Amino acid sequence: MADEITQTKDVSGAYTRFALEARKKYIAIRERQDPEIRNRYIRLADRVAARVKDTAKANPLTPFKKSHLRNVEQMLLGEADKLRDGLNSTLRRDIQDAVEAGAGISSGITIKLLEGGGVKIDDDIRSSFYRVNNRAVEAMWRQHTKGLKLSDRIWQQGEKSREAIQNILEEAVATGQSAIETAKLLQQYVRKDAVTLVEDYPDMMKRLQNRIPKDISYEALRLARAETSKAYWKGVVESGRNSPSYKGVKWILSSSHPIADICDAYADHDEGLGHGVYAPGSEPEYPHPNCLCTIVAVHEQPEELLKKLKSWQQQGPSVETARIESWFQRVHRQPDAEVKGLPIYNMTPDYDDAADREVISQALEKLPDNHIDILKAMGVQVATGWTEGWSRYDRLGKMYLLTKDVGVEDVLHETGHAIEDFLQVYHKKEFIEVLENGIPLEEITLANFVTEVGFQKPFLRLEHREINKFISVYQSCLLEELGLIYQKSGKWFFNPRSLREYFAEGYREYIFNPENLKARDILLFEFIRRLMGDAGEA
């Protein structure tokens, strides 16, 4: 397997410089992070140890007593708060820097390509990347992991460190250990770990075996590494989606990979764009703590984009140049109206979109406040009067492209796509279990892929006698680019992730006709119900 640098060069092509610069900045962040966090724990322990020593000024052999412990406990509470504030400060800085490092790939490429196409790089273009970065940072702090926000998990680290030191002090009191020896133990514990203290303090460490972590700073380091890596990935993806030349991301498998795991599956993924390449909207999340794999943004080569730019400048927007048009509208044009905090753009001159705006307002009124907040935090925009095909949600531009005389249900469906995009629903194990339920994955054959002609344009859909949970024909629509079947252990299986309208249609039905969804697909109903309660929990 080629190393990460070689893989990055291979996929980046003409843009290698931007990709390598981004990775270099990220590595610099990580190299400063670990020692800084460890030093925060060392300073905490040194200050507590100094207070413990103060109790033995008269006699170095004075045992550490309960009265001494009460005196130190109050100070320890304040030190835990200082540690939390310090960890919070470090993570805020590193998340911001990591997002900017990841974003540097696409922002640099975009500016270079647009300049080559004769597009003036003004403050609006530069500001668009700044806004994307800010939203990515905000999203990092808003997200939940096992029901906890990042700030909650930082609070836990301070509390766990306080509890570990408290347990050591209580054990010193119980065994009559001297204050000087207790202070020495604290300083050794933080600088080394619990395992290395067994030789010097065998009896005490045996009693403390399950009450203190082996390495007091390990969980904080693990948290910081994971969140900084997630931030870098988010910068790569969100900045890419802000570029008109973005085609997706390429998974770069780390060469420091001793055993096969989920990362190998990500690297082998193939949806027709090449091994390990993910289209916009299907980008994988950061897989697991301490993962050393990375992703690189994939962009159209210069000649491809320049051709589209020329067509867009001379002939106006088309299906082929829709990405450029939505990007331009987002960056430069002032909205024609606003509904629920979302900017509205009329895409067709002389078209009166007043009725459409009323429909949009009616649809958004049905949403819970936390989902409106998500749409605003994402920077979602709405385009009316779209004439290039049917209504859809542009994941790259984060824009609803709504046809003339759009309906409430259409708006709700596209909202489902926006929410699914933000929450990365198709990457959640819980959702995949809901999606697979009732679908005989091993029995699906090519004969079950049927061309549906009853809509504005034909599409391929899934049909099987055992599947009765679809609430509409459109919910069974298949996205062929994701691959409809795959082989595993010599057997062929249906790829349920190709049902890319399943969630959005379910979301629409939940809001518009919840009882019908509940009767047809109770698991999807329950999944969306939880999303309505707290978007970060599912």
Protein backbone atom coordinates (compact mmCIF):
# COMPACT_ATOMS: atom_id res chain seq x y z
CA MET A 1 0.00 0.00 0.00
CA ALA A 2 1.33 3.45 -0.92
CA ASP A 3 2.02 5.84 1.94
CA GLU A 4 -0.30 8.77 2.71
CA ILE A 5 1.82 11.33 0.87
CA THR A 6 1.92 9.26 -2.33
CA GLN A 7 -1.83 8.59 -2.16
CA THR A 8 -2.51 12.29 -1.60
CA LYS A 9 -0.37 13.29 -4.58
CA ASP A 10 -2.06 10.70 -6.79
CA VAL A 11 -5.58 11.92 -6.07
CA SER A 12 -4.78 15.65 -5.93
CA GLY A 13 -3.06 15.89 -9.29
CA ALA A 14 -2.69 19.54 -10.22
CA TYR A 15 -3.75 20.53 -6.71
CA THR A 16 -1.15 18.57 -4.72
CA ARG A 17 0.35 21.70 -3.17
CA PHE A 18 -2.93 22.68 -1.50
CA ALA A 19 -3.54 19.17 -0.13
CA LEU A 20 -0.03 18.81 1.29
CA GLU A 21 -0.09 22.28 2.85
CA ALA A 22 -3.39 21.46 4.58
CA ARG A 23 -2.03 18.19 5.94
CA LYS A 24 1.15 19.90 7.15
CA LYS A 25 -0.89 22.46 9.12
CA TYR A 26 -3.02 19.71 10.65
CA ILE A 27 0.03 17.71 11.76
CA ALA A 28 1.48 20.85 13.38
CA ILE A 29 -1.75 21.26 15.37
CA ARG A 30 -1.57 17.68 16.61
CA GLU A 31 2.12 17.94 17.51
CA ARG A 32 1.54 20.93 19.80
CA GLN A 33 -1.70 19.56 21.27
CA ASP A 34 -0.57 16.47 23.21
CA PRO A 35 2.23 18.09 25.24
CA GLU A 36 0.06 21.13 25.96
CA ILE A 37 -2.75 18.99 27.41
CA ARG A 38 -0.34 16.82 29.41
CA ASN A 39 1.25 19.94 30.84
CA ARG A 40 -2.15 21.17 32.01
CA TYR A 41 -2.53 18.01 34.09
CA ILE A 42 1.04 18.29 35.38
CA ARG A 43 0.46 21.89 36.51
CA LEU A 44 -2.77 20.85 38.24
CA ALA A 45 -0.99 18.05 40.13
CA ASP A 46 1.96 20.29 41.03
CA ARG A 47 -0.33 22.94 42.53
CA VAL A 48 -2.27 20.34 44.53
CA ALA A 49 0.99 18.68 45.63
CA ALA A 50 2.32 22.05 46.81
CA ARG A 51 -0.79 22.54 48.94
CA VAL A 52 -0.40 19.02 50.37
CA LYS A 53 3.24 19.76 51.25
CA ASP A 54 2.18 22.94 53.03
CA THR A 55 0.35 20.80 55.59
CA ALA A 56 3.69 19.31 56.68
CA LYS A 57 5.83 22.42 57.06
CA ALA A 58 6.52 21.74 60.73
CA ASN A 59 7.41 18.07 60.29
CA PRO A 60 8.02 16.37 56.88
CA LEU A 61 6.88 13.04 58.33
CA THR A 62 3.50 14.40 59.46
CA PRO A 63 0.74 12.05 58.24
CA PHE A 64 -1.77 13.48 55.79
CA LYS A 65 -4.95 13.81 57.90
CA LYS A 66 -8.68 14.39 57.35
CA SER A 67 -8.31 18.02 58.39
CA HIS A 68 -5.63 18.44 55.75
CA LEU A 69 -7.84 16.71 53.18
CA ARG A 70 -10.73 19.12 53.80
CA ASN A 71 -8.35 22.01 53.28
CA VAL A 72 -7.10 20.60 49.97
CA GLU A 73 -10.56 19.53 48.70
CA GLN A 74 -11.79 23.09 48.28
CA MET A 75 -8.66 24.00 46.38
CA LEU A 76 -9.05 20.86 44.23
CA LEU A 77 -12.52 21.98 43.09
CA GLY A 78 -11.04 25.22 41.82
CA GLU A 79 -8.17 23.40 40.12
CA ALA A 80 -10.62 21.11 38.30
CA ASP A 81 -12.40 24.23 37.02
CA LYS A 82 -9.07 25.65 35.84
CA LEU A 83 -8.32 22.40 34.02
CA ARG A 84 -11.72 22.47 32.30
CA ASP A 85 -11.21 26.08 31.23
CA GLY A 86 -7.76 25.20 29.92
CA LEU A 87 -8.96 22.16 27.98
CA ASN A 88 -11.83 24.22 26.59
CA SER A 89 -9.42 26.95 25.46
CA THR A 90 -7.07 24.44 23.82
CA LEU A 91 -9.87 22.65 21.99
CA ARG A 92 -11.54 25.86 20.81
CA ARG A 93 -8.27 27.05 19.30
CA ASP A 94 -7.38 23.67 17.79
CA ILE A 95 -10.84 23.02 16.36
CA GLN A 96 -10.81 26.46 14.72
CA ASP A 97 -7.31 25.90 13.33
CA ALA A 98 -8.11 22.35 12.16
CA VAL A 99 -11.24 23.48 10.31
CA GLU A 100 -9.23 26.22 8.59
CA ALA A 101 -6.47 23.74 7.71
CA GLY A 102 -8.94 21.31 6.13
CA ALA A 103 -10.76 24.14 4.37
CA GLY A 104 -7.52 25.40 2.87
CA ILE A 105 -7.57 22.66 0.24
CA SER A 106 -10.80 23.74 -1.43
CA SER A 107 -10.55 27.48 -0.79
CA GLY A 108 -7.10 27.55 -2.40
CA ILE A 109 -8.19 25.41 -5.35
CA THR A 110 -11.38 27.42 -5.90
CA ILE A 111 -9.63 30.78 -5.96
CA LYS A 112 -6.99 29.44 -8.36
CA LEU A 113 -9.60 27.97 -10.73
CA LEU A 114 -11.88 31.00 -10.70
CA GLU A 115 -8.99 33.34 -11.40
CA GLY A 116 -8.05 31.09 -14.33
CA GLY A 117 -11.62 31.38 -15.61
CA GLY A 118 -11.62 35.16 -15.48
CA VAL A 119 -13.83 35.45 -12.39
CA LYS A 120 -12.84 38.33 -10.12
CA ILE A 121 -11.97 37.17 -6.59
CA ASP A 122 -13.78 39.75 -4.49
CA ASP A 123 -14.54 40.06 -0.78
CA ASP A 124 -17.81 38.13 -1.21
CA ILE A 125 -15.96 35.03 -2.42
CA ARG A 126 -13.36 35.20 0.33
CA SER A 127 -16.04 35.85 2.95
CA SER A 128 -18.03 32.82 1.80
CA PHE A 129 -15.22 30.51 2.94
CA TYR A 130 -14.90 32.43 6.19
CA ARG A 131 -18.62 31.91 6.89
CA VAL A 132 -18.39 28.21 6.02
CA ASN A 133 -15.51 27.80 8.45
CA ASN A 134 -17.43 29.54 11.21
CA ARG A 135 -20.48 27.34 10.67
CA ALA A 136 -18.29 24.24 10.75
CA VAL A 137 -16.76 25.30 14.07
CA GLU A 138 -20.20 26.06 15.52
CA ALA A 139 -21.45 22.65 14.36
CA MET A 140 -18.58 20.95 16.19
CA TRP A 141 -19.69 22.51 19.46
CA ARG A 142 -23.40 21.83 18.80
CA GLN A 143 -23.06 18.14 17.99
CA HIS A 144 -23.90 15.41 20.49
CA THR A 145 -22.04 12.18 21.24
CA LYS A 146 -23.99 9.72 23.39
CA GLY A 147 -26.28 12.57 24.40
CA LEU A 148 -23.47 14.92 25.47
CA LYS A 149 -22.26 18.10 23.82
CA LEU A 150 -18.53 18.67 23.50
CA SER A 151 -18.63 21.15 26.39
CA ASP A 152 -20.23 18.46 28.58
CA ARG A 153 -17.50 15.98 27.72
CA ILE A 154 -14.83 18.55 28.58
CA TRP A 155 -16.58 19.09 31.92
CA GLN A 156 -16.41 15.34 32.50
CA GLN A 157 -12.63 15.38 32.05
CA GLY A 158 -12.24 17.97 34.79
CA GLU A 159 -14.51 15.99 37.08
CA LYS A 160 -12.69 12.71 36.44
CA SER A 161 -9.32 14.26 37.20
CA ARG A 162 -10.69 15.71 40.45
CA GLU A 163 -12.11 12.31 41.44
CA ALA A 164 -8.81 10.52 40.70
CA ILE A 165 -6.77 12.92 42.82
CA GLN A 166 -9.43 12.90 45.53
CA ASN A 167 -9.22 9.08 45.67
CA ILE A 168 -5.44 9.21 46.05
CA LEU A 169 -5.70 11.76 48.86
CA GLU A 170 -8.40 9.77 50.66
CA GLU A 171 -6.27 6.63 50.45
CA ALA A 172 -3.31 8.55 51.88
CA VAL A 173 -5.44 9.58 54.85
CA ALA A 174 -6.69 6.01 55.37
CA THR A 175 -3.17 4.54 55.37
CA GLY A 176 -1.47 7.29 57.37
CA GLN A 177 0.89 8.16 54.53
CA SER A 178 2.95 11.30 55.07
CA ALA A 179 2.00 14.52 53.32
CA ILE A 180 5.40 14.71 51.62
CA GLU A 181 5.09 11.17 50.26
CA THR A 182 1.52 11.85 49.12
CA ALA A 183 2.62 14.95 47.21
CA LYS A 184 5.45 12.99 45.60
CA LEU A 185 3.03 10.22 44.56
CA LEU A 186 0.65 12.74 42.95
CA GLN A 187 3.42 14.27 40.87
CA GLN A 188 4.74 10.87 39.79
CA TYR A 189 1.26 9.63 38.87
CA VAL A 190 0.53 12.52 36.53
CA ARG A 191 3.96 12.45 34.90
CA LYS A 192 4.03 8.67 34.44
CA ASP A 193 0.98 6.48 35.05
CA ALA A 194 -0.58 4.21 37.65
CA VAL A 195 1.22 1.13 36.36
CA THR A 196 4.70 2.58 36.98
CA LEU A 197 3.80 3.40 40.60
CA VAL A 198 3.04 -0.21 41.54
CA GLU A 199 6.67 -0.91 42.36
CA ASP A 200 7.03 2.10 44.70
CA TYR A 201 3.55 1.93 46.27
CA PRO A 202 2.35 -1.68 45.81
CA ASP A 203 -0.20 -1.82 48.64
CA MET A 204 -1.71 1.57 47.94
CA MET A 205 -1.93 1.01 44.17
CA LYS A 206 -3.57 -2.36 44.75
CA ARG A 207 -6.32 -0.69 46.79
CA LEU A 208 -6.68 2.09 44.18
CA GLN A 209 -6.70 -0.33 41.25
CA ASN A 210 -10.23 0.36 40.02
CA ARG A 211 -10.56 3.89 41.39
CA ILE A 212 -8.05 5.82 39.30
CA PRO A 213 -7.27 5.65 35.57
CA LYS A 214 -3.93 4.25 34.49
CA ASP A 215 -3.18 7.55 32.72
CA ILE A 216 -5.05 10.55 34.12
CA SER A 217 -4.72 12.56 30.90
CA TYR A 218 -5.46 9.73 28.44
CA GLU A 219 -9.19 10.39 28.00
CA ALA A 220 -8.63 14.12 27.53
CA LEU A 221 -5.93 13.42 24.94
CA ARG A 222 -8.21 10.93 23.19
CA LEU A 223 -11.07 13.45 23.17
CA ALA A 224 -8.86 16.24 21.84
CA ARG A 225 -7.35 14.07 19.10
CA ALA A 226 -10.76 12.85 17.95
CA GLU A 227 -12.41 16.28 17.94
CA THR A 228 -9.47 17.93 16.19
CA SER A 229 -9.50 15.21 13.53
CA LYS A 230 -13.26 15.60 13.11
CA ALA A 231 -12.79 19.35 12.74
CA TYR A 232 -10.17 18.86 10.02
CA TRP A 233 -12.49 16.47 8.16
CA LYS A 234 -15.38 18.90 8.55
CA GLY A 235 -13.23 21.67 7.13
CA VAL A 236 -12.35 19.50 4.12
CA VAL A 237 -15.99 18.58 3.44
CA GLU A 238 -17.77 21.87 4.18
CA SER A 239 -15.24 23.98 2.31
CA GLY A 240 -15.42 21.53 -0.58
CA ARG A 241 -19.18 21.87 -0.72
CA ASN A 242 -18.67 25.62 -0.94
CA SER A 243 -16.67 25.17 -4.15
CA PRO A 244 -18.23 24.87 -7.64
CA SER A 245 -15.53 22.37 -8.67
CA TYR A 246 -15.97 19.91 -5.77
CA LYS A 247 -16.57 16.26 -6.72
CA GLY A 248 -16.28 14.60 -3.29
CA VAL A 249 -13.54 13.20 -1.07
CA LYS A 250 -11.00 10.41 -1.35
CA TRP A 251 -10.31 8.18 1.66
CA ILE A 252 -6.57 7.92 2.36
CA LEU A 253 -5.88 4.76 4.36
CA SER A 254 -3.12 5.20 6.93
CA SER A 255 -0.03 3.06 6.44
CA SER A 256 0.07 2.74 10.26
CA HIS A 257 -2.79 0.27 10.11
CA PRO A 258 -1.79 -3.05 11.73
CA ILE A 259 -5.15 -4.84 11.48
CA ALA A 260 -8.12 -4.54 9.16
CA ASP A 261 -11.12 -2.58 10.47
CA ILE A 262 -13.89 -0.30 9.22
CA CYS A 263 -11.26 1.96 7.63
CA ASP A 264 -10.35 -0.75 5.11
CA ALA A 265 -14.00 -0.93 4.07
CA TYR A 266 -14.09 2.85 3.63
CA ALA A 267 -10.93 2.71 1.50
CA ASP A 268 -12.42 -0.08 -0.67
CA HIS A 269 -15.74 1.72 -1.13
CA ASP A 270 -16.62 2.21 -4.79
CA GLU A 271 -19.67 4.06 -6.09
CA GLY A 272 -18.36 4.46 -9.61
CA LEU A 273 -15.96 7.30 -8.86
CA GLY A 274 -12.98 5.11 -8.00
CA HIS A 275 -11.94 3.19 -4.89
CA GLY A 276 -12.36 5.22 -1.73
CA VAL A 277 -14.00 8.20 -3.47
CA TYR A 278 -17.27 9.50 -2.01
CA ALA A 279 -19.66 11.80 -3.86
CA PRO A 280 -20.95 15.02 -2.25
CA GLY A 281 -23.54 14.13 0.36
CA SER A 282 -22.14 10.65 1.01
CA GLU A 283 -18.83 11.69 2.60
CA PRO A 284 -17.94 9.39 5.52
CA GLU A 285 -17.63 10.65 9.06
CA TYR A 286 -14.44 10.38 11.10
CA PRO A 287 -14.54 6.65 11.96
CA HIS A 288 -13.05 6.13 15.42
CA PRO A 289 -10.79 7.80 18.03
CA ASN A 290 -7.06 7.76 17.30
CA CYS A 291 -7.71 6.99 13.62
CA LEU A 292 -4.74 8.10 11.49
CA CYS A 293 -6.53 7.89 8.14
CA THR A 294 -7.46 11.11 6.39
CA ILE A 295 -9.51 12.43 3.48
CA VAL A 296 -8.59 14.66 0.55
CA ALA A 297 -11.01 16.83 -1.41
CA VAL A 298 -11.44 15.78 -5.05
CA HIS A 299 -12.04 18.59 -7.55
CA GLU A 300 -12.68 18.83 -11.26
CA GLN A 301 -9.50 19.30 -13.20
CA PRO A 302 -8.92 22.87 -14.44
CA GLU A 303 -9.98 22.25 -18.04
CA GLU A 304 -13.29 20.68 -16.93
CA LEU A 305 -14.33 23.62 -14.75
CA LEU A 306 -13.09 26.27 -17.17
CA LYS A 307 -15.32 24.76 -19.87
CA LYS A 308 -18.35 24.93 -17.56
CA LEU A 309 -17.49 28.46 -16.44
CA LYS A 310 -17.39 29.60 -20.05
CA SER A 311 -20.76 27.99 -20.77
CA TRP A 312 -22.30 29.53 -17.63
CA GLN A 313 -20.95 33.00 -18.44
CA GLN A 314 -22.13 32.91 -22.06
CA GLN A 315 -25.39 30.93 -21.89
CA GLY A 316 -26.60 31.27 -18.29
CA PRO A 317 -27.49 28.46 -15.84
CA SER A 318 -28.27 24.94 -17.02
CA VAL A 319 -28.37 21.48 -15.48
CA GLU A 320 -24.66 21.11 -16.24
CA THR A 321 -23.77 24.43 -14.60
CA ALA A 322 -26.34 24.38 -11.75
CA ARG A 323 -23.57 23.99 -9.19
CA ILE A 324 -21.82 27.12 -10.45
CA GLU A 325 -25.10 29.06 -10.49
CA SER A 326 -26.11 28.08 -6.95
CA TRP A 327 -22.59 28.91 -5.78
CA PHE A 328 -22.75 32.33 -7.45
CA GLN A 329 -26.19 33.10 -5.99
CA ARG A 330 -25.04 32.12 -2.53
CA VAL A 331 -21.88 34.20 -2.67
CA HIS A 332 -22.96 37.36 -4.48
CA ARG A 333 -26.66 37.92 -4.80
CA GLN A 334 -28.81 39.55 -2.15
CA PRO A 335 -31.95 37.55 -1.30
CA ASP A 336 -35.30 38.66 -2.71
CA ALA A 337 -37.10 37.73 0.50
CA GLU A 338 -36.69 35.78 3.73
CA VAL A 339 -38.85 33.11 5.35
CA LYS A 340 -38.14 31.82 8.87
CA GLY A 341 -34.65 33.27 8.64
CA LEU A 342 -33.87 31.48 5.34
CA PRO A 343 -33.02 33.68 2.32
CA ILE A 344 -35.22 33.26 -0.78
CA TYR A 345 -33.94 33.81 -4.33
CA ASN A 346 -36.20 34.00 -7.39
CA MET A 347 -34.33 32.23 -10.19
CA THR A 348 -36.64 33.31 -13.02
CA PRO A 349 -36.91 37.00 -14.00
CA ASP A 350 -40.48 38.33 -14.22
CA TYR A 351 -41.86 35.27 -12.39
CA ASP A 352 -44.11 36.19 -9.45
CA ASP A 353 -43.11 33.77 -6.70
CA ALA A 354 -45.39 35.23 -4.00
CA ALA A 355 -47.57 32.09 -3.91
CA ASP A 356 -44.47 29.88 -3.73
CA ARG A 357 -43.10 31.90 -0.82
CA GLU A 358 -46.39 31.43 1.01
CA VAL A 359 -46.19 27.66 0.45
CA ILE A 360 -42.60 27.65 1.73
CA SER A 361 -43.71 29.56 4.82
CA GLN A 362 -46.53 27.07 5.46
CA ALA A 363 -44.12 24.14 5.16
CA LEU A 364 -41.49 25.63 7.46
CA GLU A 365 -44.15 26.48 10.06
CA LYS A 366 -44.69 22.74 10.49
CA LEU A 367 -41.07 22.11 11.52
CA PRO A 368 -39.82 22.00 15.12
CA ASP A 369 -37.72 24.98 16.18
CA ASN A 370 -34.54 22.91 16.50
CA HIS A 371 -34.78 21.87 12.84
CA ILE A 372 -35.26 25.48 11.75
CA ASP A 373 -32.16 26.29 13.80
CA ILE A 374 -30.27 23.54 11.97
CA LEU A 375 -31.25 24.93 8.57
CA LYS A 376 -30.12 28.42 9.59
CA ALA A 377 -26.88 27.14 11.11
CA MET A 378 -26.15 25.26 7.87
CA GLY A 379 -26.68 28.44 5.86
CA VAL A 380 -29.46 26.81 3.81
CA GLN A 381 -30.97 28.99 1.08
CA VAL A 382 -34.10 28.60 -1.03
CA ALA A 383 -34.41 29.19 -4.77
CA THR A 384 -37.86 29.56 -6.36
CA GLY A 385 -38.73 29.43 -10.04
CA TRP A 386 -36.27 26.62 -10.79
CA THR A 387 -36.81 25.48 -14.39
CA GLU A 388 -34.08 22.86 -14.89
CA GLY A 389 -35.93 19.66 -13.96
CA TRP A 390 -37.90 18.90 -10.82
CA SER A 391 -37.41 20.27 -7.32
CA ARG A 392 -34.35 19.05 -5.47
CA TYR A 393 -31.95 19.89 -2.66
CA ASP A 394 -28.46 20.87 -3.79
CA ARG A 395 -26.16 19.42 -1.11
CA LEU A 396 -23.13 21.31 -2.33
CA GLY A 397 -24.79 24.69 -2.50
CA LYS A 398 -27.03 23.97 0.51
CA MET A 399 -29.91 25.32 -1.53
CA TYR A 400 -33.48 24.18 -2.16
CA LEU A 401 -34.09 24.38 -5.92
CA LEU A 402 -37.88 24.60 -6.08
CA THR A 403 -39.91 24.55 -9.28
CA LYS A 404 -42.73 26.96 -10.02
CA ASP A 405 -45.97 26.32 -8.12
CA VAL A 406 -44.18 24.12 -5.61
CA GLY A 407 -46.25 22.23 -3.02
CA VAL A 408 -45.93 22.05 0.76
CA GLU A 409 -45.04 18.36 0.60
CA ASP A 410 -42.25 19.09 -1.91
CA VAL A 411 -40.70 21.60 0.48
CA LEU A 412 -40.95 19.14 3.38
CA HIS A 413 -39.29 16.42 1.29
CA GLU A 414 -36.33 18.66 0.41
CA THR A 415 -36.11 19.68 4.06
CA GLY A 416 -35.72 15.99 4.84
CA HIS A 417 -32.68 15.90 2.56
CA ALA A 418 -31.19 18.97 4.27
CA ILE A 419 -31.66 17.48 7.75
CA GLU A 420 -30.33 14.10 6.60
CA ASP A 421 -27.28 15.85 5.14
CA PHE A 422 -26.52 17.78 8.33
CA LEU A 423 -26.98 14.78 10.64
CA GLN A 424 -25.24 12.36 8.26
CA VAL A 425 -28.20 10.02 8.73
CA TYR A 426 -27.03 7.46 6.17
CA HIS A 427 -23.83 6.97 8.16
CA LYS A 428 -25.62 6.18 11.43
CA LYS A 429 -25.81 2.54 12.43
CA GLU A 430 -29.22 3.02 14.06
CA PHE A 431 -30.69 4.42 10.85
CA ILE A 432 -29.18 1.70 8.66
CA GLU A 433 -30.88 -0.89 10.87
CA VAL A 434 -34.18 0.93 10.29
CA LEU A 435 -33.48 1.13 6.56
CA GLU A 436 -32.63 -2.58 6.22
CA ASN A 437 -35.63 -3.75 8.24
CA GLY A 438 -38.14 -5.55 6.02
CA ILE A 439 -35.79 -5.73 3.02
CA PRO A 440 -34.49 -9.23 2.10
CA LEU A 441 -30.97 -8.05 1.22
CA GLU A 442 -29.79 -11.45 -0.07
CA GLU A 443 -32.83 -12.04 -2.26
CA ILE A 444 -32.74 -8.82 -4.29
CA THR A 445 -31.75 -9.40 -7.93
CA LEU A 446 -31.61 -7.25 -11.04
CA ALA A 447 -35.22 -8.26 -11.71
CA ASN A 448 -36.26 -6.23 -8.66
CA PHE A 449 -34.97 -2.99 -10.18
CA VAL A 450 -37.92 -1.52 -12.09
CA THR A 451 -38.01 1.59 -14.29
CA GLU A 452 -40.76 3.95 -13.10
CA VAL A 453 -42.19 6.12 -15.88
CA GLY A 454 -45.08 7.78 -14.06
CA PHE A 455 -43.13 10.88 -13.06
CA GLN A 456 -41.62 13.91 -14.77
CA LYS A 457 -38.64 11.79 -15.73
CA PRO A 458 -38.08 8.02 -15.44
CA PHE A 459 -36.16 6.59 -12.51
CA LEU A 460 -35.14 3.18 -11.23
CA ARG A 461 -36.93 1.88 -8.14
CA LEU A 462 -36.90 -1.19 -5.90
CA GLU A 463 -39.81 -3.63 -6.00
CA HIS A 464 -40.06 -6.94 -4.11
CA ARG A 465 -43.04 -8.94 -2.93
CA GLU A 466 -41.80 -8.99 0.68
CA ILE A 467 -41.27 -5.22 0.93
CA ASN A 468 -44.39 -3.42 2.09
CA LYS A 469 -43.05 -0.51 4.11
CA PHE A 470 -42.65 2.12 1.36
CA ILE A 471 -45.15 4.93 1.85
CA SER A 472 -44.79 6.10 -1.76
CA VAL A 473 -43.36 4.93 -5.07
CA TYR A 474 -40.76 7.67 -4.86
CA GLN A 475 -39.49 6.37 -1.52
CA SER A 476 -38.28 3.26 -3.36
CA CYS A 477 -36.22 5.34 -5.83
CA LEU A 478 -32.64 4.08 -6.30
CA LEU A 479 -29.49 6.14 -6.75
CA GLU A 480 -27.48 3.98 -9.14
CA GLU A 481 -24.25 5.93 -8.59
CA LEU A 482 -23.95 4.47 -5.09
CA GLY A 483 -23.98 0.91 -6.40
CA LEU A 484 -27.12 -1.23 -6.16
CA ILE A 485 -25.51 -4.54 -5.21
CA TYR A 486 -22.20 -5.60 -3.74
CA GLN A 487 -20.36 -8.85 -3.15
CA LYS A 488 -19.28 -10.10 0.26
CA SER A 489 -17.85 -13.54 1.12
CA GLY A 490 -18.88 -14.84 -2.28
CA LYS A 491 -22.50 -13.69 -1.92
CA TRP A 492 -24.34 -10.79 -3.54
CA PHE A 493 -26.28 -8.32 -1.40
CA PHE A 494 -28.52 -5.35 -2.11
CA ASN A 495 -27.02 -2.00 -1.05
CA PRO A 496 -29.77 -0.33 1.04
CA ARG A 497 -27.90 2.99 1.07
CA SER A 498 -28.89 3.38 -2.59
CA LEU A 499 -32.43 4.15 -1.33
CA ARG A 500 -31.55 7.84 -1.01
CA GLU A 501 -35.17 9.04 -0.98
CA TYR A 502 -36.17 6.75 1.88
CA PHE A 503 -35.45 9.16 4.74
CA ALA A 504 -36.60 12.35 2.99
CA GLU A 505 -39.94 10.80 2.01
CA GLY A 506 -40.34 9.43 5.53
CA TYR A 507 -39.58 12.86 6.98
CA ARG A 508 -42.20 14.45 4.72
CA GLU A 509 -44.79 11.86 5.69
CA TYR A 510 -44.01 12.18 9.40
CA ILE A 511 -44.86 15.87 9.28
CA PHE A 512 -47.69 15.72 6.76
CA ASN A 513 -49.38 12.41 7.64
CA PRO A 514 -47.69 10.86 10.71
CA GLU A 515 -50.33 8.18 11.33
CA ASN A 516 -49.78 6.71 7.88
CA LEU A 517 -46.01 6.51 8.42
CA LYS A 518 -46.56 4.96 11.83
CA ALA A 519 -48.79 2.27 10.34
CA ARG A 520 -46.49 1.47 7.40
CA ASP A 521 -43.02 1.86 8.93
CA ILE A 522 -43.03 2.09 12.72
CA LEU A 523 -39.22 1.97 13.02
CA LEU A 524 -38.73 4.95 10.70
CA PHE A 525 -41.54 6.76 12.52
CA GLU A 526 -39.80 6.24 15.87
CA PHE A 527 -36.41 7.26 14.46
CA ILE A 528 -37.78 10.55 13.09
CA ARG A 529 -39.77 11.14 16.28
CA ARG A 530 -36.50 11.09 18.21
CA LEU A 531 -35.00 13.52 15.70
CA MET A 532 -37.89 15.88 16.33
CA GLY A 533 -37.18 15.79 20.05
CA ASP A 534 -33.44 16.35 19.87
CA ALA A 535 -31.61 16.49 16.55
CA GLY A 536 -28.34 15.51 18.19
CA GLU A 537 -29.52 12.28 19.79
CA ALA A 538 -30.22 10.00 16.83
